[in-house]
Amino acid sequence: MINTSIEFISGFKTSLDPYNGITIKSQDLGSFEEFQQNIENLIDETKSNKNLIWIYIDIRKSHFIPIATSFGFTFHSCNIDYILLVKVLKENAIVPTLANHTLGVGAVVINSKNEILLIKEKIRNEYYKLPGGHIDDAEMISQALSREVFEETGVVADFKKIVSIGHFYPHQFHKSNLYVLCLAEAKSYKIDIKDKEEISEAIWLNVDEMFKRDDIHLYTKTIVKASMSDNGLFKSETPILSHLKNQFELFFVKESKN
């Protein structure tokens, strides 16, 4: 069992992590003067029995950062309102990798008239493409799919299965990008673009005609063709991990009926 006990060391409230490191939250840094006085003592007291020291610094306490970096802390990751710094105390200590990719979702939406939903962006407008975009923090794949389709086209669509996963590098912010292509079921038909800053056009187009058009990329056609098969990853409705407190989605190949 992982020891997650709280311990007070050199004036700091710390918690142990799975990498034998200790973490200090921004609200537990004390005053600026206390931080300056205590950080050196903390390093001396933990360097023999701990591997890492993690410190969260709120943007409102950004003046603490030069003090931490002067003692060998380096930047690990950040969000809109904080930065996470780490100091390695032991050679060859394992430092878990920071987030190294962005996530996106795209949707193949085909209606009962055998028409596919396509959009054209204002900036990259050479081809019609499938609606989709970034998955937001803490957003499930199926939620992101429905949101992106609605924002870009006004059409309500529900997730059915995952068709393809693409890996692209380099992408934004010099990170990898994982793009999840899904089949979705149209629950409405009226086109009413919400994101008019990004999307210039949204259309329903006959699927057979789509395969003949030169203004639709082979990549899109390949994804659409794959979505029409019985293959794919389907969302599990079985409470396999219902004991977990965090949100999750699980996707599996559909079991054979034989």
C-alpha atoms as a PDB file:
ATOM      1  CA  MET A   1       0.000   0.000   0.000  1.00  0.00           C
ATOM      2  CA  ILE A   2       1.282   3.490  -0.852  1.00  0.00           C
ATOM      3  CA  ASN A   3       1.956   5.671   2.161  1.00  0.00           C
ATOM      4  CA  THR A   4       0.108   8.936   1.581  1.00  0.00           C
ATOM      5  CA  SER A   5       0.536  10.290   5.103  1.00  0.00           C
ATOM      6  CA  ILE A   6       0.925  13.961   5.860  1.00  0.00           C
ATOM      7  CA  GLU A   7       4.165  15.024   7.525  1.00  0.00           C
ATOM      8  CA  PHE A   8       5.416  18.405   8.747  1.00  0.00           C
ATOM      9  CA  ILE A   9       9.052  18.931   7.756  1.00  0.00           C
ATOM     10  CA  SER A  10      11.045  22.128   8.285  1.00  0.00           C
ATOM     11  CA  GLY A  11       7.902  24.189   8.675  1.00  0.00           C
ATOM     12  CA  PHE A  12       6.185  22.764   5.582  1.00  0.00           C
ATOM     13  CA  LYS A  13       3.117  20.534   5.416  1.00  0.00           C
ATOM     14  CA  THR A  14       4.105  17.762   2.995  1.00  0.00           C
ATOM     15  CA  SER A  15       2.503  14.646   1.516  1.00  0.00           C
ATOM     16  CA  LEU A  16       4.311  11.564   0.227  1.00  0.00           C
ATOM     17  CA  ASP A  17       3.884  10.512  -3.409  1.00  0.00           C
ATOM     18  CA  PRO A  18       4.410   7.123  -5.174  1.00  0.00           C
ATOM     19  CA  TYR A  19       7.922   8.165  -6.320  1.00  0.00           C
ATOM     20  CA  ASN A  20       9.218   8.676  -2.767  1.00  0.00           C
ATOM     21  CA  GLY A  21       8.851  12.389  -3.253  1.00  0.00           C
ATOM     22  CA  ILE A  22       7.147  14.954  -1.065  1.00  0.00           C
ATOM     23  CA  THR A  23       4.661  17.518  -2.328  1.00  0.00           C
ATOM     24  CA  ILE A  24       3.984  20.968  -0.916  1.00  0.00           C
ATOM     25  CA  LYS A  25       0.850  22.810  -1.991  1.00  0.00           C
ATOM     26  CA  SER A  26       0.874  26.543  -2.654  1.00  0.00           C
ATOM     27  CA  GLN A  27      -1.288  27.330   0.376  1.00  0.00           C
ATOM     28  CA  ASP A  28       1.288  25.625   2.610  1.00  0.00           C
ATOM     29  CA  LEU A  29       4.342  27.656   1.562  1.00  0.00           C
ATOM     30  CA  GLY A  30       4.014  30.159   4.392  1.00  0.00           C
ATOM     31  CA  SER A  31       5.017  33.777   4.029  1.00  0.00           C
ATOM     32  CA  PHE A  32       7.727  34.861   1.609  1.00  0.00           C
ATOM     33  CA  GLU A  33      10.179  35.293   4.479  1.00  0.00           C
ATOM     34  CA  GLU A  34       9.311  31.881   5.954  1.00  0.00           C
ATOM     35  CA  PHE A  35       9.727  30.234   2.571  1.00  0.00           C
ATOM     36  CA  GLN A  36      13.179  31.755   2.138  1.00  0.00           C
ATOM     37  CA  GLN A  37      14.223  30.542   5.583  1.00  0.00           C
ATOM     38  CA  ASN A  38      12.715  27.049   5.439  1.00  0.00           C
ATOM     39  CA  ILE A  39      13.438  25.804   1.909  1.00  0.00           C
ATOM     40  CA  GLU A  40      17.162  25.209   2.521  1.00  0.00           C
ATOM     41  CA  ASN A  41      16.403  23.349   5.745  1.00  0.00           C
ATOM     42  CA  LEU A  42      13.819  21.230   3.937  1.00  0.00           C
ATOM     43  CA  ILE A  43      16.359  20.136   1.328  1.00  0.00           C
ATOM     44  CA  ASP A  44      18.964  19.282   3.978  1.00  0.00           C
ATOM     45  CA  GLU A  45      16.469  17.292   6.021  1.00  0.00           C
ATOM     46  CA  THR A  46      15.094  15.233   3.110  1.00  0.00           C
ATOM     47  CA  LYS A  47      18.064  14.688   0.780  1.00  0.00           C
ATOM     48  CA  SER A  48      19.074  11.446   2.519  1.00  0.00           C
ATOM     49  CA  ASN A  49      15.691   9.700   2.528  1.00  0.00           C
ATOM     50  CA  LYS A  50      13.575  11.256  -0.230  1.00  0.00           C
ATOM     51  CA  ASN A  51      13.950  11.310  -4.020  1.00  0.00           C
ATOM     52  CA  LEU A  52      12.028  14.423  -5.040  1.00  0.00           C
ATOM     53  CA  ILE A  53      10.509  17.615  -3.713  1.00  0.00           C
ATOM     54  CA  TRP A  54       7.479  19.005  -5.548  1.00  0.00           C
ATOM     55  CA  ILE A  55       6.242  22.547  -4.967  1.00  0.00           C
ATOM     56  CA  TYR A  56       3.048  24.043  -6.367  1.00  0.00           C
ATOM     57  CA  ILE A  57       3.259  27.830  -6.663  1.00  0.00           C
ATOM     58  CA  ASP A  58       0.084  29.808  -7.289  1.00  0.00           C
ATOM     59  CA  ILE A  59       0.353  32.631  -9.827  1.00  0.00           C
ATOM     60  CA  ARG A  60      -0.344  35.074  -6.996  1.00  0.00           C
ATOM     61  CA  LYS A  61       2.861  33.850  -5.352  1.00  0.00           C
ATOM     62  CA  SER A  62       5.014  33.909  -8.474  1.00  0.00           C
ATOM     63  CA  HIS A  63       7.653  35.944  -6.605  1.00  0.00           C
ATOM     64  CA  PHE A  64       8.457  32.690  -4.766  1.00  0.00           C
ATOM     65  CA  ILE A  65       9.740  31.109  -8.005  1.00  0.00           C
ATOM     66  CA  PRO A  66      13.238  32.723  -8.085  1.00  0.00           C
ATOM     67  CA  ILE A  67      13.861  31.528  -4.527  1.00  0.00           C
ATOM     68  CA  ALA A  68      12.966  27.939  -5.451  1.00  0.00           C
ATOM     69  CA  THR A  69      15.019  27.943  -8.656  1.00  0.00           C
ATOM     70  CA  SER A  70      18.039  29.321  -6.782  1.00  0.00           C
ATOM     71  CA  PHE A  71      17.968  26.085  -4.761  1.00  0.00           C
ATOM     72  CA  GLY A  72      17.909  23.881  -7.866  1.00  0.00           C
ATOM     73  CA  PHE A  73      14.186  23.512  -8.495  1.00  0.00           C
ATOM     74  CA  THR A  74      13.196  23.248 -12.177  1.00  0.00           C
ATOM     75  CA  PHE A  75       9.908  23.761 -14.005  1.00  0.00           C
ATOM     76  CA  HIS A  76       7.857  20.608 -14.527  1.00  0.00           C
ATOM     77  CA  SER A  77       4.367  21.642 -15.654  1.00  0.00           C
ATOM     78  CA  CYS A  78       1.830  24.407 -15.287  1.00  0.00           C
ATOM     79  CA  ASN A  79      -1.766  25.451 -15.657  1.00  0.00           C
ATOM     80  CA  ILE A  80      -3.443  28.810 -16.080  1.00  0.00           C
ATOM     81  CA  ASP A  81      -3.032  29.729 -12.407  1.00  0.00           C
ATOM     82  CA  TYR A  82      -0.097  27.694 -11.060  1.00  0.00           C
ATOM     83  CA  ILE A  83       3.315  26.261 -11.832  1.00  0.00           C
ATOM     84  CA  LEU A  84       4.721  22.984 -10.522  1.00  0.00           C
ATOM     85  CA  LEU A  85       8.440  22.844  -9.720  1.00  0.00           C
ATOM     86  CA  VAL A  86      10.530  19.815  -8.803  1.00  0.00           C
ATOM     87  CA  LYS A  87      13.918  19.251  -7.222  1.00  0.00           C
ATOM     88  CA  VAL A  88      15.672  15.928  -7.768  1.00  0.00           C
ATOM     89  CA  LEU A  89      17.411  14.828  -4.561  1.00  0.00           C
ATOM     90  CA  LYS A  90      18.752  11.442  -5.678  1.00  0.00           C
ATOM     91  CA  GLU A  91      20.622  10.551  -8.838  1.00  0.00           C
ATOM     92  CA  ASN A  92      18.514   8.373 -11.168  1.00  0.00           C
ATOM     93  CA  ALA A  93      15.322   9.248  -9.293  1.00  0.00           C
ATOM     94  CA  ILE A  94      12.233   8.683 -11.426  1.00  0.00           C
ATOM     95  CA  VAL A  95      10.552  11.942 -12.387  1.00  0.00           C
ATOM     96  CA  PRO A  96       7.146  11.197 -13.968  1.00  0.00           C
ATOM     97  CA  THR A  97       6.791  12.684 -17.429  1.00  0.00           C
ATOM     98  CA  LEU A  98       4.767  15.842 -17.720  1.00  0.00           C
ATOM     99  CA  ALA A  99       1.807  15.947 -20.082  1.00  0.00           C
ATOM    100  CA  ASN A 100       3.402  15.456 -23.518  1.00  0.00           C
ATOM    101  CA  HIS A 101       0.390  15.473 -25.817  1.00  0.00           C
ATOM    102  CA  THR A 102      -2.855  17.211 -26.597  1.00  0.00           C
ATOM    103  CA  LEU A 103      -6.097  15.342 -27.256  1.00  0.00           C
ATOM    104  CA  GLY A 104      -8.625  15.883 -29.990  1.00  0.00           C
ATOM    105  CA  VAL A 105     -11.794  14.251 -31.252  1.00  0.00           C
ATOM    106  CA  GLY A 106     -13.436  14.165 -34.671  1.00  0.00           C
ATOM    107  CA  ALA A 107     -16.852  12.847 -35.678  1.00  0.00           C
ATOM    108  CA  VAL A 108     -18.276  10.962 -38.619  1.00  0.00           C
ATOM    109  CA  VAL A 109     -21.953  11.929 -38.455  1.00  0.00           C
ATOM    110  CA  ILE A 110     -24.210  10.250 -41.032  1.00  0.00           C
ATOM    111  CA  ASN A 111     -27.963  10.805 -41.062  1.00  0.00           C
ATOM    112  CA  SER A 112     -30.833   8.576 -42.185  1.00  0.00           C
ATOM    113  CA  LYS A 113     -30.644  10.058 -45.717  1.00  0.00           C
ATOM    114  CA  ASN A 114     -27.086   8.701 -46.112  1.00  0.00           C
ATOM    115  CA  GLU A 115     -25.671  12.213 -45.820  1.00  0.00           C
ATOM    116  CA  ILE A 116     -22.484  13.043 -43.957  1.00  0.00           C
ATOM    117  CA  LEU A 117     -21.905  16.196 -41.929  1.00  0.00           C
ATOM    118  CA  LEU A 118     -18.872  18.214 -43.075  1.00  0.00           C
ATOM    119  CA  ILE A 119     -17.401  21.578 -42.162  1.00  0.00           C
ATOM    120  CA  LYS A 120     -14.989  24.033 -43.716  1.00  0.00           C
ATOM    121  CA  GLU A 121     -12.701  26.136 -41.545  1.00  0.00           C
ATOM    122  CA  LYS A 122     -11.985  29.799 -42.182  1.00  0.00           C
ATOM    123  CA  ILE A 123      -8.202  29.427 -41.997  1.00  0.00           C
ATOM    124  CA  ARG A 124      -7.402  25.963 -43.357  1.00  0.00           C
ATOM    125  CA  ASN A 125     -10.115  25.966 -45.982  1.00  0.00           C
ATOM    126  CA  GLU A 126      -8.728  23.876 -48.840  1.00  0.00           C
ATOM    127  CA  TYR A 127     -10.862  20.858 -47.923  1.00  0.00           C
ATOM    128  CA  TYR A 128     -14.168  20.042 -46.321  1.00  0.00           C
ATOM    129  CA  LYS A 129     -13.454  18.005 -43.201  1.00  0.00           C
ATOM    130  CA  LEU A 130     -15.105  16.205 -40.323  1.00  0.00           C
ATOM    131  CA  PRO A 131     -16.232  18.347 -37.387  1.00  0.00           C
ATOM    132  CA  GLY A 132     -14.052  18.096 -34.297  1.00  0.00           C
ATOM    133  CA  GLY A 133     -11.524  19.784 -32.081  1.00  0.00           C
ATOM    134  CA  HIS A 134      -9.711  19.743 -28.741  1.00  0.00           C
ATOM    135  CA  ILE A 135     -10.888  17.715 -25.782  1.00  0.00           C
ATOM    136  CA  ASP A 136     -11.066  20.047 -22.780  1.00  0.00           C
ATOM    137  CA  ASP A 137      -9.576  19.280 -19.381  1.00  0.00           C
ATOM    138  CA  ALA A 138     -11.629  16.700 -17.437  1.00  0.00           C
ATOM    139  CA  GLU A 139     -13.889  16.136 -20.475  1.00  0.00           C
ATOM    140  CA  MET A 140     -14.780  12.631 -21.600  1.00  0.00           C
ATOM    141  CA  ILE A 141     -14.323  11.636 -25.258  1.00  0.00           C
ATOM    142  CA  SER A 142     -18.053  11.163 -25.832  1.00  0.00           C
ATOM    143  CA  GLN A 143     -18.823  14.535 -24.228  1.00  0.00           C
ATOM    144  CA  ALA A 144     -16.213  16.333 -26.305  1.00  0.00           C
ATOM    145  CA  LEU A 145     -17.560  14.771 -29.491  1.00  0.00           C
ATOM    146  CA  SER A 146     -21.108  16.002 -28.872  1.00  0.00           C
ATOM    147  CA  ARG A 147     -19.900  19.462 -27.831  1.00  0.00           C
ATOM    148  CA  GLU A 148     -17.605  19.956 -30.823  1.00  0.00           C
ATOM    149  CA  VAL A 149     -20.207  18.808 -33.345  1.00  0.00           C
ATOM    150  CA  PHE A 150     -22.809  21.127 -31.833  1.00  0.00           C
ATOM    151  CA  GLU A 151     -20.467  24.137 -31.657  1.00  0.00           C
ATOM    152  CA  GLU A 152     -19.295  23.741 -35.244  1.00  0.00           C
ATOM    153  CA  THR A 153     -22.572  22.752 -36.893  1.00  0.00           C
ATOM    154  CA  GLY A 154     -25.497  23.123 -34.474  1.00  0.00           C
ATOM    155  CA  VAL A 155     -26.307  19.432 -34.972  1.00  0.00           C
ATOM    156  CA  VAL A 156     -26.938  17.269 -31.904  1.00  0.00           C
ATOM    157  CA  ALA A 157     -24.974  13.997 -32.154  1.00  0.00           C
ATOM    158  CA  ASP A 158     -24.347  11.063 -29.828  1.00  0.00           C
ATOM    159  CA  PHE A 159     -21.219   8.900 -29.684  1.00  0.00           C
ATOM    160  CA  LYS A 160     -21.454   5.376 -31.148  1.00  0.00           C
ATOM    161  CA  LYS A 161     -17.900   4.014 -31.458  1.00  0.00           C
ATOM    162  CA  ILE A 162     -14.232   4.866 -31.938  1.00  0.00           C
ATOM    163  CA  VAL A 163     -13.100   4.308 -35.523  1.00  0.00           C
ATOM    164  CA  SER A 164      -9.475   5.438 -35.580  1.00  0.00           C
ATOM    165  CA  ILE A 165      -6.746   7.030 -33.472  1.00  0.00           C
ATOM    166  CA  GLY A 166      -4.105   9.191 -35.109  1.00  0.00           C
ATOM    167  CA  HIS A 167      -0.794  10.306 -33.565  1.00  0.00           C
ATOM    168  CA  PHE A 168       0.739  13.523 -34.895  1.00  0.00           C
ATOM    169  CA  TYR A 169       4.073  15.125 -33.986  1.00  0.00           C
ATOM    170  CA  PRO A 170       5.055  17.884 -33.722  1.00  0.00           C
ATOM    171  CA  HIS A 171       1.743  19.595 -33.020  1.00  0.00           C
ATOM    172  CA  GLN A 172       0.773  22.589 -30.929  1.00  0.00           C
ATOM    173  CA  PHE A 173       3.192  23.684 -28.199  1.00  0.00           C
ATOM    174  CA  HIS A 174       5.828  21.214 -29.536  1.00  0.00           C
ATOM    175  CA  LYS A 175       3.784  18.292 -28.173  1.00  0.00           C
ATOM    176  CA  SER A 176       2.277  15.187 -29.707  1.00  0.00           C
ATOM    177  CA  ASN A 177      -1.401  15.134 -30.595  1.00  0.00           C
ATOM    178  CA  LEU A 178      -3.701  12.131 -30.315  1.00  0.00           C
ATOM    179  CA  TYR A 179      -6.779  12.517 -32.486  1.00  0.00           C
ATOM    180  CA  VAL A 180      -9.683  10.150 -31.832  1.00  0.00           C
ATOM    181  CA  LEU A 181     -12.062   9.676 -34.771  1.00  0.00           C
ATOM    182  CA  CYS A 182     -15.536   8.446 -33.860  1.00  0.00           C
ATOM    183  CA  LEU A 183     -18.800   7.476 -35.464  1.00  0.00           C
ATOM    184  CA  ALA A 184     -21.749   9.444 -34.108  1.00  0.00           C
ATOM    185  CA  GLU A 185     -25.490   9.289 -34.550  1.00  0.00           C
ATOM    186  CA  ALA A 186     -27.298  12.449 -35.631  1.00  0.00           C
ATOM    187  CA  LYS A 187     -30.133  13.435 -33.299  1.00  0.00           C
ATOM    188  CA  SER A 188     -31.007  16.596 -35.214  1.00  0.00           C
ATOM    189  CA  TYR A 189     -30.539  17.829 -38.768  1.00  0.00           C
ATOM    190  CA  LYS A 190     -30.699  21.611 -38.789  1.00  0.00           C
ATOM    191  CA  ILE A 191     -27.354  23.311 -39.371  1.00  0.00           C
ATOM    192  CA  ASP A 192     -26.759  26.363 -37.195  1.00  0.00           C
ATOM    193  CA  ILE A 193     -23.053  27.147 -36.764  1.00  0.00           C
ATOM    194  CA  LYS A 194     -22.265  28.421 -33.270  1.00  0.00           C
ATOM    195  CA  ASP A 195     -18.516  28.884 -33.664  1.00  0.00           C
ATOM    196  CA  LYS A 196     -18.594  31.457 -36.457  1.00  0.00           C
ATOM    197  CA  GLU A 197     -15.068  32.652 -35.644  1.00  0.00           C
ATOM    198  CA  GLU A 198     -13.571  29.321 -36.755  1.00  0.00           C
ATOM    199  CA  ILE A 199     -16.130  27.687 -39.060  1.00  0.00           C
ATOM    200  CA  SER A 200     -17.157  29.233 -42.378  1.00  0.00           C
ATOM    201  CA  GLU A 201     -19.497  26.503 -43.633  1.00  0.00           C
ATOM    202  CA  ALA A 202     -21.240  23.302 -42.554  1.00  0.00           C
ATOM    203  CA  ILE A 203     -23.104  21.011 -44.959  1.00  0.00           C
ATOM    204  CA  TRP A 204     -24.862  17.686 -45.285  1.00  0.00           C
ATOM    205  CA  LEU A 205     -23.454  15.855 -48.316  1.00  0.00           C
ATOM    206  CA  ASN A 206     -24.461  12.546 -49.860  1.00  0.00           C
ATOM    207  CA  VAL A 207     -21.882   9.962 -48.809  1.00  0.00           C
ATOM    208  CA  ASP A 208     -21.506   8.495 -52.312  1.00  0.00           C
ATOM    209  CA  GLU A 209     -20.848  11.963 -53.702  1.00  0.00           C
ATOM    210  CA  MET A 210     -18.341  12.643 -50.917  1.00  0.00           C
ATOM    211  CA  PHE A 211     -16.117   9.788 -52.121  1.00  0.00           C
ATOM    212  CA  LYS A 212     -16.011  11.376 -55.598  1.00  0.00           C
ATOM    213  CA  ARG A 213     -15.149  14.935 -54.544  1.00  0.00           C
ATOM    214  CA  ASP A 214     -11.635  16.339 -54.891  1.00  0.00           C
ATOM    215  CA  ASP A 215     -12.192  18.935 -52.148  1.00  0.00           C
ATOM    216  CA  ILE A 216     -12.422  16.194 -49.519  1.00  0.00           C
ATOM    217  CA  HIS A 217      -9.098  14.708 -48.424  1.00  0.00           C
ATOM    218  CA  LEU A 218      -8.272  11.021 -48.789  1.00  0.00           C
ATOM    219  CA  TYR A 219      -7.726  10.916 -45.006  1.00  0.00           C
ATOM    220  CA  THR A 220     -11.345  11.930 -44.423  1.00  0.00           C
ATOM    221  CA  LYS A 221     -12.611   9.424 -46.965  1.00  0.00           C
ATOM    222  CA  THR A 222     -10.567   6.653 -45.337  1.00  0.00           C
ATOM    223  CA  ILE A 223     -12.008   7.449 -41.903  1.00  0.00           C
ATOM    224  CA  VAL A 224     -15.556   7.492 -43.264  1.00  0.00           C
ATOM    225  CA  LYS A 225     -15.068   4.174 -45.044  1.00  0.00           C
ATOM    226  CA  ALA A 226     -13.709   2.613 -41.841  1.00  0.00           C
ATOM    227  CA  SER A 227     -16.687   3.919 -39.856  1.00  0.00           C
ATOM    228  CA  MET A 228     -19.092   1.976 -42.088  1.00  0.00           C
ATOM    229  CA  SER A 229     -17.735  -1.414 -41.035  1.00  0.00           C
ATOM    230  CA  ASP A 230     -18.840  -3.320 -37.949  1.00  0.00           C
ATOM    231  CA  ASN A 231     -15.369  -2.896 -36.476  1.00  0.00           C
ATOM    232  CA  GLY A 232     -14.421  -0.320 -33.899  1.00  0.00           C
ATOM    233  CA  LEU A 233     -14.149   0.307 -30.182  1.00  0.00           C
ATOM    234  CA  PHE A 234     -17.470   0.534 -28.402  1.00  0.00           C
ATOM    235  CA  LYS A 235     -18.101   2.224 -25.083  1.00  0.00           C
ATOM    236  CA  SER A 236     -18.552  -0.271 -22.255  1.00  0.00           C
ATOM    237  CA  GLU A 237     -21.700   0.131 -20.202  1.00  0.00           C
ATOM    238  CA  THR A 238     -20.571  -2.507 -17.704  1.00  0.00           C
ATOM    239  CA  PRO A 239     -19.474  -1.025 -14.352  1.00  0.00           C
ATOM    240  CA  ILE A 240     -16.050  -2.700 -14.527  1.00  0.00           C
ATOM    241  CA  LEU A 241     -14.309   0.032 -12.559  1.00  0.00           C
ATOM    242  CA  SER A 242     -17.291   1.411 -10.678  1.00  0.00           C
ATOM    243  CA  HIS A 243     -15.244   1.432  -7.464  1.00  0.00           C
ATOM    244  CA  LEU A 244     -13.094   4.292  -8.801  1.00  0.00           C
ATOM    245  CA  LYS A 245     -14.016   7.795  -7.689  1.00  0.00           C
ATOM    246  CA  ASN A 246     -12.671   9.513 -10.810  1.00  0.00           C
ATOM    247  CA  GLN A 247     -14.496   9.746 -14.124  1.00  0.00           C
ATOM    248  CA  PHE A 248     -13.590   7.297 -16.852  1.00  0.00           C
ATOM    249  CA  GLU A 249     -14.673   5.800 -20.165  1.00  0.00           C
ATOM    250  CA  LEU A 250     -13.695   2.325 -21.365  1.00  0.00           C
ATOM    251  CA  PHE A 251     -13.823   1.197 -24.991  1.00  0.00           C
ATOM    252  CA  PHE A 252     -13.616  -2.391 -26.248  1.00  0.00           C
ATOM    253  CA  VAL A 253     -13.934  -4.324 -29.474  1.00  0.00           C
ATOM    254  CA  LYS A 254     -17.463  -5.704 -29.653  1.00  0.00           C
ATOM    255  CA  GLU A 255     -17.592  -9.319 -28.522  1.00  0.00           C
ATOM    256  CA  SER A 256     -18.404 -11.922 -31.145  1.00  0.00           C
ATOM    257  CA  LYS A 257     -21.859 -13.526 -30.849  1.00  0.00           C
ATOM    258  CA  ASN A 258     -20.497 -16.909 -31.964  1.00  0.00           C
END
